[in-house]
Amino acid sequence: TFLKNYCDPDYFNTNTTFTLIDLNEDRFEYQIIGIASFDLTNEDTYLDWYSSYFKDYYEFNTIMNNTLPYFINHIEGFSYHNQQLITLITCDMNKEDTRFVLFAYRKE
């Protein structure tokens, strides 16, 4: 799928946003934070990244810090201010039970 293109640094750096169109045809712009790869067969793989809302900055920071080692590409200096996050997930067809996860936040 197109998500794996974000593993290429050039593609990642030139395609930094996307627009999500909901069922009402409302448009929401998202800023990409990064792309990560998670091996689901490894029981030590951190998987608490699935949440898109956080009760506070500490919870968000903990999740992002624990996810950081899995990032292939990511932006520097992202500042969290209770934005909604979205994760787009696809399989890595070259590795059994591995997922690419694209993280992005909704621009206000």
PDB file of N, CA and C in Angstrom:
ATOM      1  N   THR A   1       0.840  -1.189   0.000  1.00  0.00           N
ATOM      2  CA  THR A   1       0.000   0.000   0.000  1.00  0.00           C
ATOM      3  C   THR A   1       0.874   1.236   0.000  1.00  0.00           C
ATOM      4  N   PHE A   2       0.248   2.382  -0.191  1.00  0.00           N
ATOM      5  CA  PHE A   2       1.000   3.628  -0.286  1.00  0.00           C
ATOM      6  C   PHE A   2       1.692   3.996   1.021  1.00  0.00           C
ATOM      7  N   LEU A   3       1.243   3.496   2.162  1.00  0.00           N
ATOM      8  CA  LEU A   3       1.839   3.873   3.446  1.00  0.00           C
ATOM      9  C   LEU A   3       3.317   3.515   3.523  1.00  0.00           C
ATOM     10  N   LYS A   4       3.696   2.404   2.930  1.00  0.00           N
ATOM     11  CA  LYS A   4       5.104   2.004   3.008  1.00  0.00           C
ATOM     12  C   LYS A   4       6.016   2.978   2.282  1.00  0.00           C
ATOM     13  N   ASN A   5       5.453   3.821   1.395  1.00  0.00           N
ATOM     14  CA  ASN A   5       6.262   4.843   0.734  1.00  0.00           C
ATOM     15  C   ASN A   5       6.872   5.809   1.744  1.00  0.00           C
ATOM     16  N   TYR A   6       6.220   5.975   2.902  1.00  0.00           N
ATOM     17  CA  TYR A   6       6.731   6.880   3.931  1.00  0.00           C
ATOM     18  C   TYR A   6       8.013   6.372   4.587  1.00  0.00           C
ATOM     19  N   CYS A   7       8.405   5.143   4.313  1.00  0.00           N
ATOM     20  CA  CYS A   7       9.686   4.619   4.807  1.00  0.00           C
ATOM     21  C   CYS A   7      10.856   5.250   4.063  1.00  0.00           C
ATOM     22  N   ASP A   8      10.609   5.735   2.851  1.00  0.00           N
ATOM     23  CA  ASP A   8      11.637   6.420   2.061  1.00  0.00           C
ATOM     24  C   ASP A   8      11.753   7.856   2.584  1.00  0.00           C
ATOM     25  N   PRO A   9      12.923   8.268   3.081  1.00  0.00           N
ATOM     26  CA  PRO A   9      13.076   9.611   3.645  1.00  0.00           C
ATOM     27  C   PRO A   9      12.672  10.741   2.693  1.00  0.00           C
ATOM     28  N   ASP A  10      12.970  10.604   1.410  1.00  0.00           N
ATOM     29  CA  ASP A  10      12.602  11.643   0.449  1.00  0.00           C
ATOM     30  C   ASP A  10      11.078  11.768   0.342  1.00  0.00           C
ATOM     31  N   TYR A  11      10.400  10.647   0.245  1.00  0.00           N
ATOM     32  CA  TYR A  11       8.935  10.665   0.165  1.00  0.00           C
ATOM     33  C   TYR A  11       8.354  11.235   1.457  1.00  0.00           C
ATOM     34  N   PHE A  12       8.893  10.785   2.587  1.00  0.00           N
ATOM     35  CA  PHE A  12       8.410  11.251   3.889  1.00  0.00           C
ATOM     36  C   PHE A  12       8.534  12.772   4.006  1.00  0.00           C
ATOM     37  N   ASN A  13       9.659  13.308   3.605  1.00  0.00           N
ATOM     38  CA  ASN A  13       9.915  14.745   3.750  1.00  0.00           C
ATOM     39  C   ASN A  13       9.160  15.620   2.750  1.00  0.00           C
ATOM     40  N   THR A  14       8.690  15.047   1.660  1.00  0.00           N
ATOM     41  CA  THR A  14       7.954  15.838   0.668  1.00  0.00           C
ATOM     42  C   THR A  14       6.439  15.624   0.742  1.00  0.00           C
ATOM     43  N   ASN A  15       5.982  14.670   1.513  1.00  0.00           N
ATOM     44  CA  ASN A  15       4.554  14.381   1.664  1.00  0.00           C
ATOM     45  C   ASN A  15       4.217  14.435   3.145  1.00  0.00           C
ATOM     46  N   THR A  16       4.165  15.634   3.699  1.00  0.00           N
ATOM     47  CA  THR A  16       4.085  15.802   5.152  1.00  0.00           C
ATOM     48  C   THR A  16       2.670  15.932   5.692  1.00  0.00           C
ATOM     49  N   THR A  17       1.688  16.076   4.816  1.00  0.00           N
ATOM     50  CA  THR A  17       0.302  16.194   5.260  1.00  0.00           C
ATOM     51  C   THR A  17      -0.598  15.351   4.357  1.00  0.00           C
ATOM     52  N   PHE A  18      -1.807  15.102   4.847  1.00  0.00           N
ATOM     53  CA  PHE A  18      -2.843  14.500   4.018  1.00  0.00           C
ATOM     54  C   PHE A  18      -4.193  15.027   4.482  1.00  0.00           C
ATOM     55  N   THR A  19      -5.192  14.902   3.619  1.00  0.00           N
ATOM     56  CA  THR A  19      -6.544  15.347   3.941  1.00  0.00           C
ATOM     57  C   THR A  19      -7.453  14.145   4.080  1.00  0.00           C
ATOM     58  N   LEU A  20      -8.168  14.107   5.189  1.00  0.00           N
ATOM     59  CA  LEU A  20      -9.150  13.057   5.444  1.00  0.00           C
ATOM     60  C   LEU A  20     -10.525  13.638   5.155  1.00  0.00           C
ATOM     61  N   ILE A  21     -11.325  12.939   4.372  1.00  0.00           N
ATOM     62  CA  ILE A  21     -12.682  13.378   4.045  1.00  0.00           C
ATOM     63  C   ILE A  21     -13.639  12.379   4.682  1.00  0.00           C
ATOM     64  N   ASP A  22     -14.506  12.882   5.592  1.00  0.00           N
ATOM     65  CA  ASP A  22     -15.418  11.977   6.289  1.00  0.00           C
ATOM     66  C   ASP A  22     -16.695  11.749   5.474  1.00  0.00           C
ATOM     67  N   LEU A  23     -17.619  11.003   6.036  1.00  0.00           N
ATOM     68  CA  LEU A  23     -18.845  10.651   5.326  1.00  0.00           C
ATOM     69  C   LEU A  23     -19.713  11.862   4.992  1.00  0.00           C
ATOM     70  N   ASN A  24     -19.560  12.944   5.757  1.00  0.00           N
ATOM     71  CA  ASN A  24     -20.295  14.182   5.479  1.00  0.00           C
ATOM     72  C   ASN A  24     -19.558  15.078   4.486  1.00  0.00           C
ATOM     73  N   GLU A  25     -18.461  14.571   3.964  1.00  0.00           N
ATOM     74  CA  GLU A  25     -17.575  15.287   3.050  1.00  0.00           C
ATOM     75  C   GLU A  25     -16.881  16.479   3.701  1.00  0.00           C
ATOM     76  N   ASP A  26     -16.805  16.452   5.047  1.00  0.00           N
ATOM     77  CA  ASP A  26     -15.992  17.435   5.755  1.00  0.00           C
ATOM     78  C   ASP A  26     -14.535  17.044   5.585  1.00  0.00           C
ATOM     79  N   ARG A  27     -13.683  18.039   5.451  1.00  0.00           N
ATOM     80  CA  ARG A  27     -12.256  17.799   5.211  1.00  0.00           C
ATOM     81  C   ARG A  27     -11.456  18.172   6.458  1.00  0.00           C
ATOM     82  N   PHE A  28     -10.507  17.319   6.796  1.00  0.00           N
ATOM     83  CA  PHE A  28      -9.634  17.546   7.944  1.00  0.00           C
ATOM     84  C   PHE A  28      -8.200  17.310   7.497  1.00  0.00           C
ATOM     85  N   GLU A  29      -7.350  18.287   7.754  1.00  0.00           N
ATOM     86  CA  GLU A  29      -5.949  18.154   7.365  1.00  0.00           C
ATOM     87  C   GLU A  29      -5.149  17.587   8.533  1.00  0.00           C
ATOM     88  N   TYR A  30      -4.285  16.626   8.229  1.00  0.00           N
ATOM     89  CA  TYR A  30      -3.440  15.976   9.223  1.00  0.00           C
ATOM     90  C   TYR A  30      -1.976  16.190   8.881  1.00  0.00           C
ATOM     91  N   GLN A  31      -1.192  16.468   9.919  1.00  0.00           N
ATOM     92  CA  GLN A  31       0.262  16.597   9.821  1.00  0.00           C
ATOM     93  C   GLN A  31       0.871  15.259  10.225  1.00  0.00           C
ATOM     94  N   ILE A  32       1.727  14.726   9.401  1.00  0.00           N
ATOM     95  CA  ILE A  32       2.347  13.437   9.694  1.00  0.00           C
ATOM     96  C   ILE A  32       3.447  13.610  10.732  1.00  0.00           C
ATOM     97  N   ILE A  33       3.434  12.742  11.750  1.00  0.00           N
ATOM     98  CA  ILE A  33       4.458  12.718  12.791  1.00  0.00           C
ATOM     99  C   ILE A  33       5.560  11.744  12.404  1.00  0.00           C
ATOM    100  N   GLY A  34       5.164  10.558  11.948  1.00  0.00           N
ATOM    101  CA  GLY A  34       6.175   9.572  11.599  1.00  0.00           C
ATOM    102  C   GLY A  34       5.579   8.269  11.134  1.00  0.00           C
ATOM    103  N   ILE A  35       6.453   7.408  10.649  1.00  0.00           N
ATOM    104  CA  ILE A  35       6.095   6.048  10.236  1.00  0.00           C
ATOM    105  C   ILE A  35       6.939   5.091  11.057  1.00  0.00           C
ATOM    106  N   ALA A  36       6.295   4.054  11.585  1.00  0.00           N
ATOM    107  CA  ALA A  36       6.986   3.076  12.425  1.00  0.00           C
ATOM    108  C   ALA A  36       6.688   1.676  11.918  1.00  0.00           C
ATOM    109  N   SER A  37       7.502   0.735  12.350  1.00  0.00           N
ATOM    110  CA  SER A  37       7.311  -0.669  12.004  1.00  0.00           C
ATOM    111  C   SER A  37       7.274  -1.480  13.297  1.00  0.00           C
ATOM    112  N   PHE A  38       6.234  -2.320  13.432  1.00  0.00           N
ATOM    113  CA  PHE A  38       6.050  -3.116  14.638  1.00  0.00           C
ATOM    114  C   PHE A  38       5.960  -4.594  14.283  1.00  0.00           C
ATOM    115  N   ASP A  39       6.843  -5.391  14.880  1.00  0.00           N
ATOM    116  CA  ASP A  39       6.860  -6.845  14.696  1.00  0.00           C
ATOM    117  C   ASP A  39       5.921  -7.456  15.734  1.00  0.00           C
ATOM    118  N   LEU A  40       4.754  -7.924  15.300  1.00  0.00           N
ATOM    119  CA  LEU A  40       3.755  -8.451  16.221  1.00  0.00           C
ATOM    120  C   LEU A  40       4.094  -9.838  16.756  1.00  0.00           C
ATOM    121  N   THR A  41       5.087 -10.506  16.169  1.00  0.00           N
ATOM    122  CA  THR A  41       5.476 -11.825  16.670  1.00  0.00           C
ATOM    123  C   THR A  41       6.406 -11.730  17.870  1.00  0.00           C
ATOM    124  N   ASN A  42       7.024 -10.559  18.052  1.00  0.00           N
ATOM    125  CA  ASN A  42       7.934 -10.355  19.175  1.00  0.00           C
ATOM    126  C   ASN A  42       7.122  -9.890  20.382  1.00  0.00           C
ATOM    127  N   GLU A  43       7.095 -10.684  21.432  1.00  0.00           N
ATOM    128  CA  GLU A  43       6.273 -10.346  22.604  1.00  0.00           C
ATOM    129  C   GLU A  43       6.770  -9.112  23.346  1.00  0.00           C
ATOM    130  N   ASP A  44       7.987  -8.647  23.062  1.00  0.00           N
ATOM    131  CA  ASP A  44       8.517  -7.433  23.690  1.00  0.00           C
ATOM    132  C   ASP A  44       8.168  -6.160  22.910  1.00  0.00           C
ATOM    133  N   THR A  45       7.531  -6.308  21.759  1.00  0.00           N
ATOM    134  CA  THR A  45       7.179  -5.139  20.947  1.00  0.00           C
ATOM    135  C   THR A  45       6.149  -4.292  21.676  1.00  0.00           C
ATOM    136  N   TYR A  46       6.427  -3.010  21.750  1.00  0.00           N
ATOM    137  CA  TYR A  46       5.527  -2.053  22.411  1.00  0.00           C
ATOM    138  C   TYR A  46       4.304  -1.823  21.527  1.00  0.00           C
ATOM    139  N   LEU A  47       3.102  -2.006  22.102  1.00  0.00           N
ATOM    140  CA  LEU A  47       1.881  -1.894  21.310  1.00  0.00           C
ATOM    141  C   LEU A  47       0.854  -0.929  21.901  1.00  0.00           C
ATOM    142  N   ASP A  48       1.221  -0.100  22.845  1.00  0.00           N
ATOM    143  CA  ASP A  48       0.252   0.821  23.451  1.00  0.00           C
ATOM    144  C   ASP A  48       0.067   2.101  22.647  1.00  0.00           C
ATOM    145  N   TRP A  49       0.467   2.111  21.399  1.00  0.00           N
ATOM    146  CA  TRP A  49       0.362   3.272  20.535  1.00  0.00           C
ATOM    147  C   TRP A  49      -1.015   3.390  19.893  1.00  0.00           C
ATOM    148  N   TYR A  50      -1.898   2.459  20.124  1.00  0.00           N
ATOM    149  CA  TYR A  50      -3.179   2.396  19.422  1.00  0.00           C
ATOM    150  C   TYR A  50      -4.158   3.505  19.819  1.00  0.00           C
ATOM    151  N   SER A  51      -3.963   4.171  20.937  1.00  0.00           N
ATOM    152  CA  SER A  51      -4.884   5.194  21.400  1.00  0.00           C
ATOM    153  C   SER A  51      -4.723   6.478  20.592  1.00  0.00           C
ATOM    154  N   SER A  52      -5.841   7.177  20.347  1.00  0.00           N
ATOM    155  CA  SER A  52      -5.755   8.440  19.616  1.00  0.00           C
ATOM    156  C   SER A  52      -6.106   9.645  20.486  1.00  0.00           C
ATOM    157  N   TYR A  53      -6.526   9.408  21.713  1.00  0.00           N
ATOM    158  CA  TYR A  53      -6.784  10.485  22.669  1.00  0.00           C
ATOM    159  C   TYR A  53      -6.017  10.181  23.947  1.00  0.00           C
ATOM    160  N   PHE A  54      -5.510  11.223  24.601  1.00  0.00           N
ATOM    161  CA  PHE A  54      -4.706  11.040  25.795  1.00  0.00           C
ATOM    162  C   PHE A  54      -5.245  11.934  26.895  1.00  0.00           C
ATOM    163  N   LYS A  55      -5.196  11.453  28.125  1.00  0.00           N
ATOM    164  CA  LYS A  55      -5.763  12.242  29.225  1.00  0.00           C
ATOM    165  C   LYS A  55      -4.919  13.464  29.552  1.00  0.00           C
ATOM    166  N   ASP A  56      -3.634  13.399  29.236  1.00  0.00           N
ATOM    167  CA  ASP A  56      -2.767  14.539  29.515  1.00  0.00           C
ATOM    168  C   ASP A  56      -1.473  14.404  28.719  1.00  0.00           C
ATOM    169  N   TYR A  57      -0.648  15.426  28.820  1.00  0.00           N
ATOM    170  CA  TYR A  57       0.621  15.438  28.097  1.00  0.00           C
ATOM    171  C   TYR A  57       1.524  14.290  28.543  1.00  0.00           C
ATOM    172  N   TYR A  58       1.517  13.975  29.838  1.00  0.00           N
ATOM    173  CA  TYR A  58       2.374  12.905  30.355  1.00  0.00           C
ATOM    174  C   TYR A  58       2.060  11.576  29.663  1.00  0.00           C
ATOM    175  N   GLU A  59       0.766  11.254  29.526  1.00  0.00           N
ATOM    176  CA  GLU A  59       0.385   9.994  28.876  1.00  0.00           C
ATOM    177  C   GLU A  59       0.820   9.992  27.410  1.00  0.00           C
ATOM    178  N   PHE A  60       0.593  11.104  26.720  1.00  0.00           N
ATOM    179  CA  PHE A  60       1.021  11.209  25.332  1.00  0.00           C
ATOM    180  C   PHE A  60       2.535  11.053  25.218  1.00  0.00           C
ATOM    181  N   ASN A  61       3.273  11.762  26.049  1.00  0.00           N
ATOM    182  CA  ASN A  61       4.727  11.730  26.010  1.00  0.00           C
ATOM    183  C   ASN A  61       5.267  10.330  26.289  1.00  0.00           C
ATOM    184  N   THR A  62       4.662   9.632  27.232  1.00  0.00           N
ATOM    185  CA  THR A  62       5.081   8.262  27.547  1.00  0.00           C
ATOM    186  C   THR A  62       4.904   7.351  26.345  1.00  0.00           C
ATOM    187  N   ILE A  63       3.750   7.446  25.703  1.00  0.00           N
ATOM    188  CA  ILE A  63       3.482   6.603  24.541  1.00  0.00           C
ATOM    189  C   ILE A  63       4.436   6.939  23.393  1.00  0.00           C
ATOM    190  N   MET A  64       4.634   8.217  23.121  1.00  0.00           N
ATOM    191  CA  MET A  64       5.525   8.599  22.022  1.00  0.00           C
ATOM    192  C   MET A  64       6.974   8.198  22.311  1.00  0.00           C
ATOM    193  N   ASN A  65       7.425   8.363  23.544  1.00  0.00           N
ATOM    194  CA  ASN A  65       8.793   7.960  23.887  1.00  0.00           C
ATOM    195  C   ASN A  65       8.986   6.456  23.748  1.00  0.00           C
ATOM    196  N   ASN A  66       7.971   5.678  24.105  1.00  0.00           N
ATOM    197  CA  ASN A  66       8.069   4.220  23.982  1.00  0.00           C
ATOM    198  C   ASN A  66       7.945   3.764  22.530  1.00  0.00           C
ATOM    199  N   THR A  67       7.334   4.586  21.705  1.00  0.00           N
ATOM    200  CA  THR A  67       7.163   4.263  20.289  1.00  0.00           C
ATOM    201  C   THR A  67       8.375   4.690  19.462  1.00  0.00           C
ATOM    202  N   LEU A  68       9.093   5.682  19.927  1.00  0.00           N
ATOM    203  CA  LEU A  68      10.212   6.262  19.183  1.00  0.00           C
ATOM    204  C   LEU A  68      11.203   5.231  18.630  1.00  0.00           C
ATOM    205  N   PRO A  69      11.574   4.187  19.378  1.00  0.00           N
ATOM    206  CA  PRO A  69      12.538   3.223  18.814  1.00  0.00           C
ATOM    207  C   PRO A  69      12.026   2.481  17.572  1.00  0.00           C
ATOM    208  N   TYR A  70      10.718   2.501  17.335  1.00  0.00           N
ATOM    209  CA  TYR A  70      10.139   1.781  16.200  1.00  0.00           C
ATOM    210  C   TYR A  70       9.980   2.658  14.959  1.00  0.00           C
ATOM    211  N   PHE A  71      10.202   3.976  15.122  1.00  0.00           N
ATOM    212  CA  PHE A  71      10.056   4.881  13.987  1.00  0.00           C
ATOM    213  C   PHE A  71      11.153   4.649  12.957  1.00  0.00           C
ATOM    214  N   ILE A  72      10.751   4.659  11.699  1.00  0.00           N
ATOM    215  CA  ILE A  72      11.674   4.594  10.578  1.00  0.00           C
ATOM    216  C   ILE A  72      12.020   6.031  10.171  1.00  0.00           C
ATOM    217  N   ASN A  73      11.002   6.879  10.095  1.00  0.00           N
ATOM    218  CA  ASN A  73      11.137   8.309   9.825  1.00  0.00           C
ATOM    219  C   ASN A  73      10.172   9.047  10.735  1.00  0.00           C
ATOM    220  N   HIS A  74      10.565  10.232  11.204  1.00  0.00           N
ATOM    221  CA  HIS A  74       9.666  11.039  12.025  1.00  0.00           C
ATOM    222  C   HIS A  74      10.110  12.501  11.991  1.00  0.00           C
ATOM    223  N   ILE A  75       9.175  13.384  12.345  1.00  0.00           N
ATOM    224  CA  ILE A  75       9.508  14.804  12.408  1.00  0.00           C
ATOM    225  C   ILE A  75      10.126  15.095  13.766  1.00  0.00           C
ATOM    226  N   GLU A  76      10.913  16.118  13.826  1.00  0.00           N
ATOM    227  CA  GLU A  76      11.517  16.573  15.076  1.00  0.00           C
ATOM    228  C   GLU A  76      10.714  17.744  15.611  1.00  0.00           C
ATOM    229  N   GLY A  77      10.647  17.873  16.917  1.00  0.00           N
ATOM    230  CA  GLY A  77      10.070  19.050  17.529  1.00  0.00           C
ATOM    231  C   GLY A  77       8.563  19.125  17.548  1.00  0.00           C
ATOM    232  N   PHE A  78       7.877  18.012  17.447  1.00  0.00           N
ATOM    233  CA  PHE A  78       6.422  18.019  17.500  1.00  0.00           C
ATOM    234  C   PHE A  78       5.966  18.406  18.897  1.00  0.00           C
ATOM    235  N   SER A  79       5.006  19.316  18.986  1.00  0.00           N
ATOM    236  CA  SER A  79       4.481  19.773  20.266  1.00  0.00           C
ATOM    237  C   SER A  79       3.023  19.361  20.387  1.00  0.00           C
ATOM    238  N   TYR A  80       2.694  18.620  21.429  1.00  0.00           N
ATOM    239  CA  TYR A  80       1.334  18.112  21.613  1.00  0.00           C
ATOM    240  C   TYR A  80       0.498  19.093  22.415  1.00  0.00           C
ATOM    241  N   HIS A  81      -0.655  19.455  21.860  1.00  0.00           N
ATOM    242  CA  HIS A  81      -1.584  20.366  22.527  1.00  0.00           C
ATOM    243  C   HIS A  81      -3.002  19.820  22.430  1.00  0.00           C
ATOM    244  N   ASN A  82      -3.180  18.573  22.863  1.00  0.00           N
ATOM    245  CA  ASN A  82      -4.482  17.886  22.860  1.00  0.00           C
ATOM    246  C   ASN A  82      -5.066  17.692  21.465  1.00  0.00           C
ATOM    247  N   GLN A  83      -4.229  17.636  20.443  1.00  0.00           N
ATOM    248  CA  GLN A  83      -4.718  17.356  19.107  1.00  0.00           C
ATOM    249  C   GLN A  83      -5.168  15.893  19.020  1.00  0.00           C
ATOM    250  N   GLN A  84      -6.122  15.667  18.143  1.00  0.00           N
ATOM    251  CA  GLN A  84      -6.512  14.293  17.866  1.00  0.00           C
ATOM    252  C   GLN A  84      -5.435  13.652  17.005  1.00  0.00           C
ATOM    253  N   LEU A  85      -5.066  12.438  17.335  1.00  0.00           N
ATOM    254  CA  LEU A  85      -4.114  11.683  16.525  1.00  0.00           C
ATOM    255  C   LEU A  85      -4.864  10.641  15.713  1.00  0.00           C
ATOM    256  N   ILE A  86      -4.263  10.253  14.610  1.00  0.00           N
ATOM    257  CA  ILE A  86      -4.796   9.173  13.799  1.00  0.00           C
ATOM    258  C   ILE A  86      -3.642   8.242  13.481  1.00  0.00           C
ATOM    259  N   THR A  87      -3.939   6.957  13.438  1.00  0.00           N
ATOM    260  CA  THR A  87      -2.943   5.976  13.010  1.00  0.00           C
ATOM    261  C   THR A  87      -3.513   5.244  11.804  1.00  0.00           C
ATOM    262  N   LEU A  88      -2.713   5.165  10.759  1.00  0.00           N
ATOM    263  CA  LEU A  88      -3.064   4.401   9.568  1.00  0.00           C
ATOM    264  C   LEU A  88      -2.130   3.204   9.538  1.00  0.00           C
ATOM    265  N   ILE A  89      -2.702   2.028   9.362  1.00  0.00           N
ATOM    266  CA  ILE A  89      -1.928   0.793   9.533  1.00  0.00           C
ATOM    267  C   ILE A  89      -2.049  -0.079   8.286  1.00  0.00           C
ATOM    268  N   THR A  90      -0.921  -0.688   7.900  1.00  0.00           N
ATOM    269  CA  THR A  90      -0.915  -1.647   6.812  1.00  0.00           C
ATOM    270  C   THR A  90       0.107  -2.743   7.120  1.00  0.00           C
ATOM    271  N   CYS A  91      -0.058  -3.861   6.474  1.00  0.00           N
ATOM    272  CA  CYS A  91       0.874  -4.978   6.660  1.00  0.00           C
ATOM    273  C   CYS A  91       2.164  -4.724   5.892  1.00  0.00           C
ATOM    274  N   ASP A  92       3.250  -5.240   6.436  1.00  0.00           N
ATOM    275  CA  ASP A  92       4.518  -5.271   5.726  1.00  0.00           C
ATOM    276  C   ASP A  92       4.545  -6.613   4.998  1.00  0.00           C
ATOM    277  N   MET A  93       4.395  -6.587   3.709  1.00  0.00           N
ATOM    278  CA  MET A  93       4.295  -7.835   2.940  1.00  0.00           C
ATOM    279  C   MET A  93       5.613  -8.598   2.877  1.00  0.00           C
ATOM    280  N   ASN A  94       6.718  -7.979   3.331  1.00  0.00           N
ATOM    281  CA  ASN A  94       8.017  -8.652   3.314  1.00  0.00           C
ATOM    282  C   ASN A  94       8.348  -9.340   4.629  1.00  0.00           C
ATOM    283  N   LYS A  95       7.560  -9.060   5.674  1.00  0.00           N
ATOM    284  CA  LYS A  95       7.817  -9.660   6.984  1.00  0.00           C
ATOM    285  C   LYS A  95       6.501 -10.137   7.569  1.00  0.00           C
ATOM    286  N   GLU A  96       6.491 -11.391   7.983  1.00  0.00           N
ATOM    287  CA  GLU A  96       5.269 -11.957   8.536  1.00  0.00           C
ATOM    288  C   GLU A  96       4.882 -11.255   9.834  1.00  0.00           C
ATOM    289  N   ASP A  97       3.630 -10.884   9.946  1.00  0.00           N
ATOM    290  CA  ASP A  97       3.055 -10.280  11.154  1.00  0.00           C
ATOM    291  C   ASP A  97       3.763  -8.993  11.592  1.00  0.00           C
ATOM    292  N   THR A  98       4.154  -8.189  10.631  1.00  0.00           N
ATOM    293  CA  THR A  98       4.742  -6.885  10.920  1.00  0.00           C
ATOM    294  C   THR A  98       3.839  -5.821  10.314  1.00  0.00           C
ATOM    295  N   ARG A  99       3.662  -4.723  11.044  1.00  0.00           N
ATOM    296  CA  ARG A  99       2.779  -3.650  10.592  1.00  0.00           C
ATOM    297  C   ARG A  99       3.536  -2.328  10.472  1.00  0.00           C
ATOM    298  N   PHE A 100       3.233  -1.603   9.407  1.00  0.00           N
ATOM    299  CA  PHE A 100       3.647  -0.217   9.291  1.00  0.00           C
ATOM    300  C   PHE A 100       2.531   0.623   9.894  1.00  0.00           C
ATOM    301  N   VAL A 101       2.896   1.594  10.709  1.00  0.00           N
ATOM    302  CA  VAL A 101       1.910   2.481  11.323  1.00  0.00           C
ATOM    303  C   VAL A 101       2.337   3.914  11.049  1.00  0.00           C
ATOM    304  N   LEU A 102       1.452   4.667  10.397  1.00  0.00           N
ATOM    305  CA  LEU A 102       1.676   6.080  10.133  1.00  0.00           C
ATOM    306  C   LEU A 102       0.941   6.869  11.223  1.00  0.00           C
ATOM    307  N   PHE A 103       1.654   7.733  11.914  1.00  0.00           N
ATOM    308  CA  PHE A 103       1.076   8.578  12.981  1.00  0.00           C
ATOM    309  C   PHE A 103       0.936   9.987  12.452  1.00  0.00           C
ATOM    310  N   ALA A 104      -0.218  10.604  12.694  1.00  0.00           N
ATOM    311  CA  ALA A 104      -0.442  11.991  12.277  1.00  0.00           C
ATOM    312  C   ALA A 104      -1.365  12.676  13.272  1.00  0.00           C
ATOM    313  N   TYR A 105      -1.271  14.001  13.344  1.00  0.00           N
ATOM    314  CA  TYR A 105      -2.188  14.750  14.202  1.00  0.00           C
ATOM    315  C   TYR A 105      -3.012  15.709  13.362  1.00  0.00           C
ATOM    316  N   ARG A 106      -4.218  15.946  13.845  1.00  0.00           N
ATOM    317  CA  ARG A 106      -5.139  16.829  13.130  1.00  0.00           C
ATOM    318  C   ARG A 106      -4.720  18.275  13.332  1.00  0.00           C
ATOM    319  N   LYS A 107      -4.551  18.978  12.219  1.00  0.00           N
ATOM    320  CA  LYS A 107      -4.183  20.392  12.275  1.00  0.00           C
ATOM    321  C   LYS A 107      -5.428  21.201  12.596  1.00  0.00           C
ATOM    322  N   GLU A 108      -5.285  22.153  13.475  1.00  0.00           N
ATOM    323  CA  GLU A 108      -6.452  22.967  13.879  1.00  0.00           C
ATOM    324  C   GLU A 108      -6.561  24.205  13.035  1.00  0.00           C
TER     325      GLU A 108
END
